[in-house]
């Protein structure tokens, strides 16, 4: 079986130590790959339904062809991969504040599938997603779909500075960076938040929260997450 934990990379960052590791989970007789930032578990290959459904449900609400997609948060790349699987998607840009995570993908160090760093329709950008919309974007550079998976929820934030995004002003700047048909979708580890839904509804024509259930092999039961979807609504 070898080592129970194999550290694939370790990087000090301004937000704390960042670790990419492979871990053997005896309870399920399986290896999992994890991204750890300080005391926070950012991502695990054991639980990927939410990341995939974020893209699937966001794309289901998006109309048209040759969609321009922005993903906030790279992690192990499951959301970006799911978006690229849709033939209507012309391009995916992924923004992540942690440059080592981008380097892992460009180097093929993330041991899950083909490297996103070699996908011609995918651009990996180092930057702050929450400041990405502080300046107006030209019409030709606006997004048809924005997918966000960074904070644990609109209230459980990885950094206090992120709070400004989850306001009518912050979401308004996001909306201005999107096309008329633009859709915003976001993952949350908590149940639907009525107050956040009201903020979304103040900016977008239509907003809803969809609860996603998935098997939890560690408990033998089911766990849930929430996908928020907001956009122009039905024609």
Foldseek 3Di string as FASTA:
>chain_A
DPDQKDWLDWDQDPLAIWTWIWGQDVLVRDIKIWIDGHPDTQDIPLDCPLLLVLQVVQVVLFDDAQFEEEEEDDTLNNNVVNNVVDRRHQAYEYEYQDVVVVVCLLVVVSVDDHRPNPDPRYHYHHDDPLCPLVDADPPVQAGQEYEYRAAQALVRGSDPVSVVCLALVNVLSNVRRHDQRHKYKYKHQDDDDVVSQVSLVVRAVDKDKDKDWDADSVVRHIGIIIMIMGGNDDD
